[in-house]
Each structure stands twice: as structure tokens, then as C-alpha cells.
Amino acid sequence: MRIILITSKLNFISAGGSVLDLHLKAKSLHELGHTVTVVTAFSPANKINQPLPYIVKEADLTASGWIPQQRGLYLLLKKYESEADAFYIDGNTFLYGGGFYRWLGGKVPVVAFFNIKLSCWSDTQNNDKKKQTSLAKLKRKIRFLIEKYIGVPIANHLDAFIFTTPMVERLYLNFGFKKEKSHVIPDFINTEDIVKKCNITHQTIAEHQAAASPVTLFCSGRMIPEKGFDLVIKAFAAVKTKENFRVIMSGGGPDRDRLMALAKELNSDSFISFPGWVKKEELEQFFRQAHIFILPKWWIEYTSVLLIEAMAYGLPCIVPKGGGLEWLTQKGALTFSEDSVEELTRQIETLGANAELRRELALNSFSKSKELDYRKLGRELESIMRQDFSL
């Protein structure tokens, strides 16, 4: 097949997991023998620092306004229609442009990918109700109604939807998306390369956990209140046997100074290190030193690339219960109720004191990560295109 993936940008230097996910999707389809092209819609933001196995074509849909961007995507699809057997688009950005294309007679099937909520929904990351004026709230309400009652019927002309978790899928189905077009595929990660590079085996995992002294807790990411790093500090402050642990909190951001002050205030700063942003090689060392990975908080429906990487390193995890993170780890994690410091403390103490439980969860986590390797997920994506597109 000739497959064209349309995304916002390819920034391999400072962008997040969504760029890696798109890259590995394109790479996996190329490795399966397809002719793959990636079109970047906001190309001035590209930062490509490596050779790529697929073709990259640049466009510039930079425009003020959501509607012009949908029109721009429609025109891109028409432009490349004769060069493609299947299109893949970033649904969160371009779903209505893709839906218009198919509704108005576009010949090539289109699959749309969704990993976060739509921006018109009031409870998204960028919509702080407390900061919105009455006019802004009214505009958002109008946009919500337009998207639900006009946009969704247009979007349902797309040929398939892919969601990263069943929880994200449920949000969109409740919004009106057609269930028969819906599929769930997690984020694409190169877990096999992590395993090979670090020579991770069942034996090395068991030996690492048996030799834990002290037990190293690790969490990492951009330090903002939404990520819940303060939950880890508060929970650890209540641990009775702190001398048996050390904590690495890697990353930076606007909340870092407050977190460091909190650790000191709770008399835990001698156990907790804040190395800041580090190079990839040092981050890998933190993963290898760690005995437990904690992802304390995120949007409950979402998953995490960092969590999948931790699983590939063979780490038992502690995550919030009832959402995408628990669904992803399955039997490789202990869970706690969202925002519960007491339950998180209890799980840290339980896992820290029980090397056999750490080993059991670590092996489950490791096995699950192998199922999440991008090569296997690439075959699922290919199957969806062949099945839903009749190609």
C-alpha cells in the first residue's frame, strides 16, 4: 500500500511522545513493505536530526483559527489523493477536515488517531474554568455544541478511529462517534531495543530486585502540578522506614522549586534527589538503577510513553487505579486511589518490603512490554487498514 500519514510536525529534539509514536508508526509500516510518506502540516516546527526510512514532505497550514486548519487539511488530502491508497491523520487536530474530505467524495480511506480529549471539551488540560471570562465560557459552549451536533456527523464519515486506551475511546463514543469504526491501539514504543541494549532478562530482573539496598523509587517528567509529584513527596514523608529507600525525581519545570521546598519542609530532602532534566543516557541509568517506578498522576483516561519504557526495563510500577495507566500495566503494578497520599504510602511500603512481590510484578510488567513493541502494534495498524479499508 501507499500510505500517507499527516501530522503536525516532526520535532525529534524537544517534542513529546506523540512525535515518537508517529515516527514508529511510519517506520513499522515501512518495515512491513509499504510505501510510506509523512506530511508535516506545520513544517516550520520540524527538527529532524536523524535519517528517516520514509519520505517526508513539508506543508505549512499555520493559520489563525481552527476552521482554516480544517480547510487546509482537506486541501492536503485532495493534493495527495492520487499518491495514496490510505491516509492516516492526527484526529485531535484534523478530524473535521478529514471527515469533510470523505463526505465530499474523497476517494482514499482515512483513519484518524486520538490520544487526548478534544479541545472543545471543558475538562481538557488547557481549559481552566477559573481563569475563563464569561465570554470565553460562552464561546467554548457554542463551539462544543457546533462540534457535537455538526462536527461529529461529519467526522463519522472517516473510515476508522484509533484510540490509545478504552477510556479515551469511551469518551469519543459518548460524544457520538460510531463504535463500529473504533479500535484501540496503545502508543508505539521500541521496547525491544531497550531490552536488547540493556540485556534485560528474567534473571537480571530477579537479581536486581533481590539485591535492592536501598530500594530506589523513580519518577520522571515535566514538573507541573498536574503530574502529581507532590503526592510522591507527601507519601514518602509518611513512610516509616525511609532509611530503606532513596527517591529519584528526574525532570524540570515550573513546579520544581516548590517540590524541592516541600521535600525539605517534610524532612525528606536527604532521601530525595532532584537531578533536573538529564540527557537520554543518564535517564537510562536512572531506569536501570530503579527498583520501583511511580507515575503518581495524569489524566485518568490517558496512558504514558514513560510508563511503557519503565515496563520494558522490567520495573514494577505504582499507578492510579481505574484508568488508562492501570489498563496498560495490568498485572505489573500496584494501584492507589487518585490523589490518595495514604494509599500511595501503603503501596510504597508494601512493595519496598517485599522483594518477591517486586520480582513478580516486574516480570509481569516486562512480559506486557513485549506485547507493546512497535513492530507488533504496526501489524495491528496494518490489519485495521486492510480490514476497514478493504485494501
Protein backbone atom coordinates (compact mmCIF):
# COMPACT_ATOMS: atom_id res chain seq x y z
CA MET A 1 0.00 0.00 0.00
CA ARG A 2 0.92 3.64 -0.46
CA ILE A 3 0.25 5.14 2.96
CA ILE A 4 0.45 8.85 3.77
CA LEU A 5 0.50 9.97 7.40
CA ILE A 6 -0.34 13.61 8.08
CA THR A 7 0.83 15.08 11.36
CA SER A 8 1.59 18.49 12.83
CA LYS A 9 5.41 18.28 12.96
CA LEU A 10 8.47 16.03 13.34
CA ASN A 11 10.47 17.50 16.19
CA PHE A 12 12.89 14.87 17.46
CA ILE A 13 14.71 17.28 19.78
CA SER A 14 12.17 18.76 22.16
CA ALA A 15 8.74 17.34 21.33
CA GLY A 16 6.99 14.68 23.39
CA GLY A 17 5.88 11.11 22.91
CA SER A 18 3.37 11.87 20.15
CA VAL A 19 6.21 12.54 17.68
CA LEU A 20 7.91 9.26 18.58
CA ASP A 21 4.58 7.45 18.24
CA LEU A 22 4.00 8.84 14.73
CA HIS A 23 7.59 8.11 13.72
CA LEU A 24 7.37 4.47 14.84
CA LYS A 25 4.04 4.01 13.09
CA ALA A 26 5.56 5.22 9.85
CA LYS A 27 8.68 3.13 10.43
CA SER A 28 6.71 -0.04 11.20
CA LEU A 29 4.57 0.31 8.07
CA HIS A 30 7.73 0.87 6.00
CA GLU A 31 9.29 -2.26 7.50
CA LEU A 32 6.16 -4.20 6.55
CA GLY A 33 6.83 -3.34 2.92
CA HIS A 34 4.58 -0.35 2.33
CA THR A 35 5.50 2.90 0.62
CA VAL A 36 5.23 5.43 3.44
CA THR A 37 5.18 9.23 3.31
CA VAL A 38 4.83 11.60 6.26
CA VAL A 39 3.43 15.06 5.52
CA THR A 40 4.06 17.65 8.24
CA ALA A 41 1.37 20.31 8.35
CA PHE A 42 3.23 22.85 10.50
CA SER A 43 6.64 22.30 8.98
CA PRO A 44 8.46 25.39 10.39
CA ALA A 45 8.37 23.49 13.71
CA ASN A 46 10.23 20.45 12.27
CA LYS A 47 13.53 19.49 13.89
CA ILE A 48 14.78 16.34 12.18
CA ASN A 49 18.20 15.25 13.41
CA GLN A 50 18.34 11.69 12.07
CA PRO A 51 17.95 9.82 8.78
CA LEU A 52 14.42 8.52 8.30
CA PRO A 53 13.33 5.38 6.42
CA TYR A 54 10.27 7.08 4.96
CA ILE A 55 9.66 10.11 2.76
CA VAL A 56 8.94 13.46 4.45
CA LYS A 57 7.04 16.21 2.64
CA GLU A 58 6.54 19.61 4.18
CA ALA A 59 3.44 21.79 4.16
CA ASP A 60 2.55 24.88 6.14
CA LEU A 61 -1.02 25.10 7.42
CA THR A 62 -0.06 27.65 10.04
CA ALA A 63 -3.16 29.78 10.23
CA SER A 64 -5.08 31.70 12.82
CA GLY A 65 -8.14 29.67 13.59
CA TRP A 66 -9.43 26.18 13.77
CA ILE A 67 -11.62 26.30 10.65
CA PRO A 68 -8.79 27.40 8.28
CA GLN A 69 -6.72 24.47 9.53
CA GLN A 70 -9.55 22.03 8.70
CA ARG A 71 -9.78 23.53 5.22
CA GLY A 72 -6.01 23.24 4.85
CA LEU A 73 -6.12 19.55 5.76
CA TYR A 74 -8.92 18.98 3.24
CA LEU A 75 -6.80 20.58 0.51
CA LEU A 76 -3.77 18.46 1.53
CA LEU A 77 -5.82 15.28 1.20
CA LYS A 78 -7.03 16.34 -2.24
CA LYS A 79 -3.48 17.24 -3.26
CA TYR A 80 -2.05 13.81 -2.35
CA GLU A 81 -5.12 11.75 -3.22
CA SER A 82 -3.57 10.29 -6.38
CA GLU A 83 -0.44 9.24 -4.46
CA ALA A 84 -2.13 7.29 -1.65
CA ASP A 85 -4.10 4.13 -1.00
CA ALA A 86 -4.69 5.12 2.63
CA PHE A 87 -4.43 8.25 4.76
CA TYR A 88 -3.66 8.43 8.49
CA ILE A 89 -4.31 11.76 10.23
CA ASP A 90 -3.92 13.31 13.68
CA GLY A 91 -7.56 13.25 14.69
CA ASN A 92 -7.30 15.69 17.57
CA THR A 93 -6.12 18.36 15.15
CA PHE A 94 -7.69 17.45 11.80
CA LEU A 95 -10.72 15.19 12.27
CA TYR A 96 -13.26 17.52 10.65
CA GLY A 97 -11.08 18.28 7.64
CA GLY A 98 -10.70 14.53 7.14
CA GLY A 99 -14.42 13.96 7.59
CA PHE A 100 -15.25 16.68 5.04
CA TYR A 101 -12.87 15.08 2.57
CA ARG A 102 -14.69 11.73 2.72
CA TRP A 103 -18.15 13.34 2.90
CA LEU A 104 -17.50 15.39 -0.24
CA GLY A 105 -16.40 12.36 -2.25
CA GLY A 106 -12.72 11.97 -1.37
CA LYS A 107 -11.61 8.65 -2.86
CA VAL A 108 -8.96 7.48 -0.39
CA PRO A 109 -9.89 5.96 3.02
CA VAL A 110 -8.86 7.93 6.11
CA VAL A 111 -8.08 6.67 9.63
CA ALA A 112 -7.90 9.21 12.47
CA PHE A 113 -5.85 8.78 15.64
CA PHE A 114 -6.86 10.17 19.07
CA ASN A 115 -4.79 10.11 22.26
CA ILE A 116 -6.26 13.06 24.17
CA LYS A 117 -9.59 14.81 24.64
CA LEU A 118 -10.98 17.28 22.12
CA SER A 119 -10.13 20.87 22.92
CA CYS A 120 -13.80 21.86 22.90
CA TRP A 121 -14.45 19.73 25.98
CA SER A 122 -14.46 21.79 29.16
CA ASP A 123 -12.28 19.45 31.23
CA THR A 124 -9.22 19.35 28.96
CA GLN A 125 -5.73 20.25 30.13
CA ASN A 126 -5.78 23.76 28.66
CA ASN A 127 -9.26 24.73 29.84
CA ASP A 128 -9.03 26.15 33.36
CA LYS A 129 -12.59 27.26 34.11
CA LYS A 130 -11.46 29.52 36.95
CA LYS A 131 -9.40 31.63 34.54
CA GLN A 132 -12.04 31.95 31.82
CA THR A 133 -14.15 35.05 31.38
CA SER A 134 -17.89 34.75 30.87
CA LEU A 135 -17.42 35.50 27.16
CA ALA A 136 -14.75 32.81 26.83
CA LYS A 137 -17.03 30.27 28.53
CA LEU A 138 -19.86 31.20 26.17
CA LYS A 139 -17.63 30.83 23.12
CA ARG A 140 -16.45 27.43 24.34
CA LYS A 141 -20.02 26.29 24.93
CA ILE A 142 -21.02 27.36 21.42
CA ARG A 143 -18.00 25.55 19.95
CA PHE A 144 -18.91 22.44 21.94
CA LEU A 145 -22.44 22.44 20.53
CA ILE A 146 -21.19 23.05 16.97
CA GLU A 147 -18.72 20.19 17.18
CA LYS A 148 -21.18 17.77 18.78
CA TYR A 149 -24.16 18.38 16.50
CA ILE A 150 -22.46 19.42 13.26
CA GLY A 151 -18.87 18.22 13.58
CA VAL A 152 -19.50 14.67 14.83
CA PRO A 153 -21.75 13.68 11.89
CA ILE A 154 -19.01 14.97 9.57
CA ALA A 155 -16.29 13.12 11.50
CA ASN A 156 -18.27 9.89 11.27
CA HIS A 157 -17.57 9.87 7.52
CA LEU A 158 -14.00 8.90 8.41
CA ASP A 159 -13.29 5.24 7.81
CA ALA A 160 -11.75 4.28 11.16
CA PHE A 161 -10.85 5.72 14.56
CA ILE A 162 -7.89 4.62 16.66
CA PHE A 163 -7.73 5.42 20.38
CA THR A 164 -4.85 4.79 22.79
CA THR A 165 -7.00 3.38 25.63
CA PRO A 166 -10.54 2.05 26.09
CA MET A 167 -11.12 5.05 28.37
CA VAL A 168 -10.31 7.57 25.64
CA GLU A 169 -12.42 5.50 23.25
CA ARG A 170 -15.39 5.68 25.64
CA LEU A 171 -15.18 9.48 25.78
CA TYR A 172 -15.48 9.74 21.99
CA LEU A 173 -18.21 7.13 21.70
CA ASN A 174 -20.22 9.03 24.30
CA PHE A 175 -19.67 12.16 22.20
CA GLY A 176 -21.28 10.42 19.22
CA PHE A 177 -18.52 8.61 17.31
CA LYS A 178 -19.54 5.33 15.65
CA LYS A 179 -18.50 2.29 17.65
CA GLU A 180 -18.22 0.02 14.60
CA LYS A 181 -15.34 2.16 13.32
CA SER A 182 -13.48 2.18 16.62
CA HIS A 183 -10.20 0.45 17.54
CA VAL A 184 -7.78 0.63 20.49
CA ILE A 185 -4.01 0.55 19.96
CA PRO A 186 -1.57 1.89 22.62
CA ASP A 187 1.29 4.29 21.91
CA PHE A 188 4.09 2.88 19.77
CA ILE A 189 7.38 2.32 21.64
CA ASN A 190 10.56 0.48 20.65
CA THR A 191 10.55 -1.78 23.72
CA GLU A 192 12.60 -4.49 22.01
CA ASP A 193 15.56 -2.16 21.56
CA ILE A 194 15.50 -1.21 25.26
CA VAL A 195 15.58 -4.89 26.22
CA LYS A 196 18.44 -5.72 23.84
CA LYS A 197 20.53 -2.65 24.64
CA CYS A 198 20.36 -3.23 28.39
CA ASN A 199 20.41 -7.04 28.18
CA ILE A 200 17.29 -7.32 30.31
CA THR A 201 16.18 -10.87 31.09
CA HIS A 202 14.04 -12.60 33.70
CA GLN A 203 17.24 -13.49 35.54
CA THR A 204 18.66 -9.95 35.59
CA ILE A 205 15.31 -8.61 36.81
CA ALA A 206 15.16 -11.13 39.67
CA GLU A 207 18.79 -10.47 40.67
CA HIS A 208 18.28 -6.70 40.57
CA GLN A 209 15.26 -6.84 42.87
CA ALA A 210 16.89 -9.31 45.29
CA ALA A 211 19.92 -7.03 45.69
CA ALA A 212 17.91 -3.84 46.36
CA SER A 213 19.57 -1.95 49.19
CA PRO A 214 18.30 0.68 49.39
CA VAL A 215 15.15 0.33 47.29
CA THR A 216 15.19 3.08 44.67
CA LEU A 217 11.93 4.76 43.76
CA PHE A 218 11.96 6.59 40.44
CA CYS A 219 9.59 9.06 38.82
CA SER A 220 10.26 11.43 35.98
CA GLY A 221 8.64 14.03 33.76
CA ARG A 222 7.79 17.69 33.43
CA MET A 223 7.26 19.08 36.91
CA ILE A 224 3.85 20.71 36.78
CA PRO A 225 1.04 20.37 39.36
CA GLU A 226 -0.98 18.12 37.04
CA LYS A 227 1.71 15.41 37.22
CA GLY A 228 1.32 14.95 40.99
CA PHE A 229 4.97 14.80 42.06
CA ASP A 230 3.93 16.33 45.37
CA LEU A 231 1.87 13.19 46.07
CA VAL A 232 5.06 11.13 45.98
CA ILE A 233 6.86 13.51 48.34
CA LYS A 234 3.98 13.57 50.82
CA ALA A 235 3.52 9.80 50.62
CA PHE A 236 7.21 9.14 51.10
CA ALA A 237 7.32 11.51 54.07
CA ALA A 238 4.86 9.19 55.80
CA VAL A 239 6.91 6.02 55.13
CA LYS A 240 8.10 4.61 58.46
CA THR A 241 11.35 3.10 57.17
CA LYS A 242 12.75 5.88 54.99
CA GLU A 243 16.29 4.64 55.55
CA ASN A 244 15.47 1.63 53.36
CA PHE A 245 14.72 3.84 50.35
CA ARG A 246 16.03 6.56 48.12
CA VAL A 247 13.96 8.58 45.66
CA ILE A 248 14.99 9.99 42.26
CA MET A 249 12.67 12.66 40.85
CA SER A 250 14.04 13.47 37.41
CA GLY A 251 12.81 16.32 35.27
CA GLY A 252 12.27 20.04 35.42
CA GLY A 253 9.54 22.60 35.10
CA PRO A 254 7.76 25.42 36.89
CA ASP A 255 6.87 23.27 39.92
CA ARG A 256 10.42 22.02 40.65
CA ASP A 257 11.39 24.66 43.23
CA ARG A 258 8.13 24.16 45.13
CA LEU A 259 8.67 20.40 45.17
CA MET A 260 12.22 20.74 46.47
CA ALA A 261 10.97 23.08 49.21
CA LEU A 262 8.21 20.61 50.08
CA ALA A 263 10.71 17.77 50.45
CA LYS A 264 12.76 19.90 52.81
CA GLU A 265 9.71 21.00 54.77
CA LEU A 266 8.71 17.36 55.31
CA ASN A 267 12.26 16.38 56.38
CA SER A 268 12.67 14.07 53.39
CA ASP A 269 15.19 16.05 51.34
CA SER A 270 18.11 13.84 52.40
CA PHE A 271 16.39 10.86 50.73
CA ILE A 272 15.11 12.60 47.59
CA SER A 273 17.29 13.83 44.72
CA PHE A 274 16.22 16.28 42.00
CA PRO A 275 18.73 15.89 39.14
CA GLY A 276 16.66 18.06 36.78
CA TRP A 277 16.48 17.44 33.04
CA VAL A 278 19.15 14.94 32.02
CA LYS A 279 20.47 13.50 28.77
CA LYS A 280 18.99 10.30 27.42
CA GLU A 281 21.97 8.24 28.59
CA GLU A 282 21.59 9.42 32.17
CA LEU A 283 17.84 8.81 32.09
CA GLU A 284 18.58 5.25 31.01
CA GLN A 285 20.87 4.86 34.03
CA PHE A 286 18.09 6.03 36.35
CA PHE A 287 15.78 3.40 34.89
CA ARG A 288 18.43 0.72 35.40
CA GLN A 289 19.14 1.82 38.98
CA ALA A 290 15.46 1.95 39.93
CA HIS A 291 13.56 -0.86 41.66
CA ILE A 292 10.10 0.74 41.53
CA PHE A 293 8.64 3.22 39.04
CA ILE A 294 5.90 5.58 40.22
CA LEU A 295 3.61 7.53 37.92
CA PRO A 296 1.53 9.38 40.51
CA LYS A 297 -0.96 11.31 38.44
CA TRP A 298 -2.12 12.03 34.92
CA TRP A 299 -5.39 12.40 33.08
CA ILE A 300 -7.19 9.25 34.18
CA GLU A 301 -8.14 8.21 30.62
CA TYR A 302 -4.63 8.58 29.19
CA THR A 303 -1.62 6.31 29.01
CA SER A 304 2.09 7.20 29.20
CA VAL A 305 5.09 6.55 26.97
CA LEU A 306 7.34 6.82 30.04
CA LEU A 307 5.35 4.08 31.76
CA ILE A 308 5.78 1.73 28.80
CA GLU A 309 9.52 2.39 28.87
CA ALA A 310 9.61 1.59 32.61
CA MET A 311 7.86 -1.70 31.88
CA ALA A 312 10.44 -2.54 29.21
CA TYR A 313 13.17 -2.01 31.83
CA GLY A 314 11.41 -4.63 33.93
CA LEU A 315 10.21 -2.35 36.71
CA PRO A 316 7.22 -2.96 38.97
CA CYS A 317 5.04 0.13 38.92
CA ILE A 318 2.71 2.08 41.17
CA VAL A 319 -0.05 3.95 39.31
CA PRO A 320 -3.51 5.43 39.96
CA LYS A 321 -6.31 2.90 39.72
CA GLY A 322 -9.26 2.83 37.40
CA GLY A 323 -7.81 4.42 34.26
CA GLY A 324 -5.52 4.11 31.29
CA LEU A 325 -2.37 3.56 33.36
CA GLU A 326 -3.82 0.58 35.24
CA TRP A 327 -5.23 -0.83 31.99
CA LEU A 328 -1.80 -0.59 30.40
CA THR A 329 0.19 -2.23 33.21
CA GLN A 330 -2.41 -4.91 34.01
CA LYS A 331 -0.64 -7.32 36.43
CA GLY A 332 2.59 -5.33 36.52
CA ALA A 333 1.57 -2.68 39.05
CA LEU A 334 0.08 -1.86 42.41
CA THR A 335 -2.56 0.86 42.34
CA PHE A 336 -3.91 3.57 44.62
CA SER A 337 -6.99 5.75 44.58
CA GLU A 338 -6.48 9.01 42.73
CA ASP A 339 -4.84 11.69 44.93
CA SER A 340 -4.74 9.38 47.98
CA VAL A 341 -1.48 10.04 49.82
CA GLU A 342 -2.30 7.38 52.41
CA GLU A 343 -2.82 4.61 49.83
CA LEU A 344 0.32 5.60 47.94
CA THR A 345 2.32 5.43 51.18
CA ARG A 346 0.93 1.97 51.86
CA GLN A 347 1.83 0.71 48.39
CA ILE A 348 5.37 2.11 48.64
CA GLU A 349 5.83 0.35 51.97
CA THR A 350 4.29 -2.90 50.70
CA LEU A 351 6.37 -3.08 47.55
CA GLY A 352 9.53 -1.83 49.22
CA ALA A 353 9.42 -4.52 51.89
CA ASN A 354 8.62 -7.46 49.61
CA ALA A 355 11.33 -8.40 47.09
CA GLU A 356 9.33 -11.39 45.85
CA LEU A 357 6.31 -9.21 45.07
CA ARG A 358 8.58 -6.73 43.27
CA ARG A 359 10.02 -9.59 41.22
CA GLU A 360 6.56 -10.94 40.35
CA LEU A 361 5.20 -7.57 39.26
CA ALA A 362 8.43 -6.74 37.42
CA LEU A 363 8.24 -9.93 35.35
CA ASN A 364 4.58 -9.28 34.54
CA SER A 365 5.44 -5.72 33.54
CA PHE A 366 8.35 -6.92 31.40
CA SER A 367 6.22 -9.52 29.61
CA LYS A 368 3.49 -6.99 28.90
CA SER A 369 6.03 -4.54 27.43
CA LYS A 370 6.97 -7.12 24.78
CA GLU A 371 3.36 -7.08 23.57
CA LEU A 372 3.61 -3.31 23.21
CA ASP A 373 6.64 -3.24 20.92
CA TYR A 374 6.00 -1.06 17.87
CA ARG A 375 6.59 -3.93 15.46
CA LYS A 376 3.65 -5.90 16.85
CA LEU A 377 1.43 -2.85 17.05
CA GLY A 378 2.40 -1.96 13.48
CA ARG A 379 0.90 -5.24 12.30
CA GLU A 380 -2.32 -4.34 14.14
CA LEU A 381 -2.41 -0.96 12.41
CA GLU A 382 -1.80 -2.60 9.04
CA SER A 383 -4.59 -5.09 9.74
CA ILE A 384 -7.04 -2.29 10.52
CA MET A 385 -6.22 -0.56 7.25
CA ARG A 386 -6.62 -3.76 5.25
CA GLN A 387 -9.82 -4.81 7.04
CA ASP A 388 -11.63 -1.47 7.32
CA PHE A 389 -10.41 -0.11 4.00
CA SER A 390 -10.78 -3.41 2.10
CA LEU A 391 -7.25 -3.00 0.72
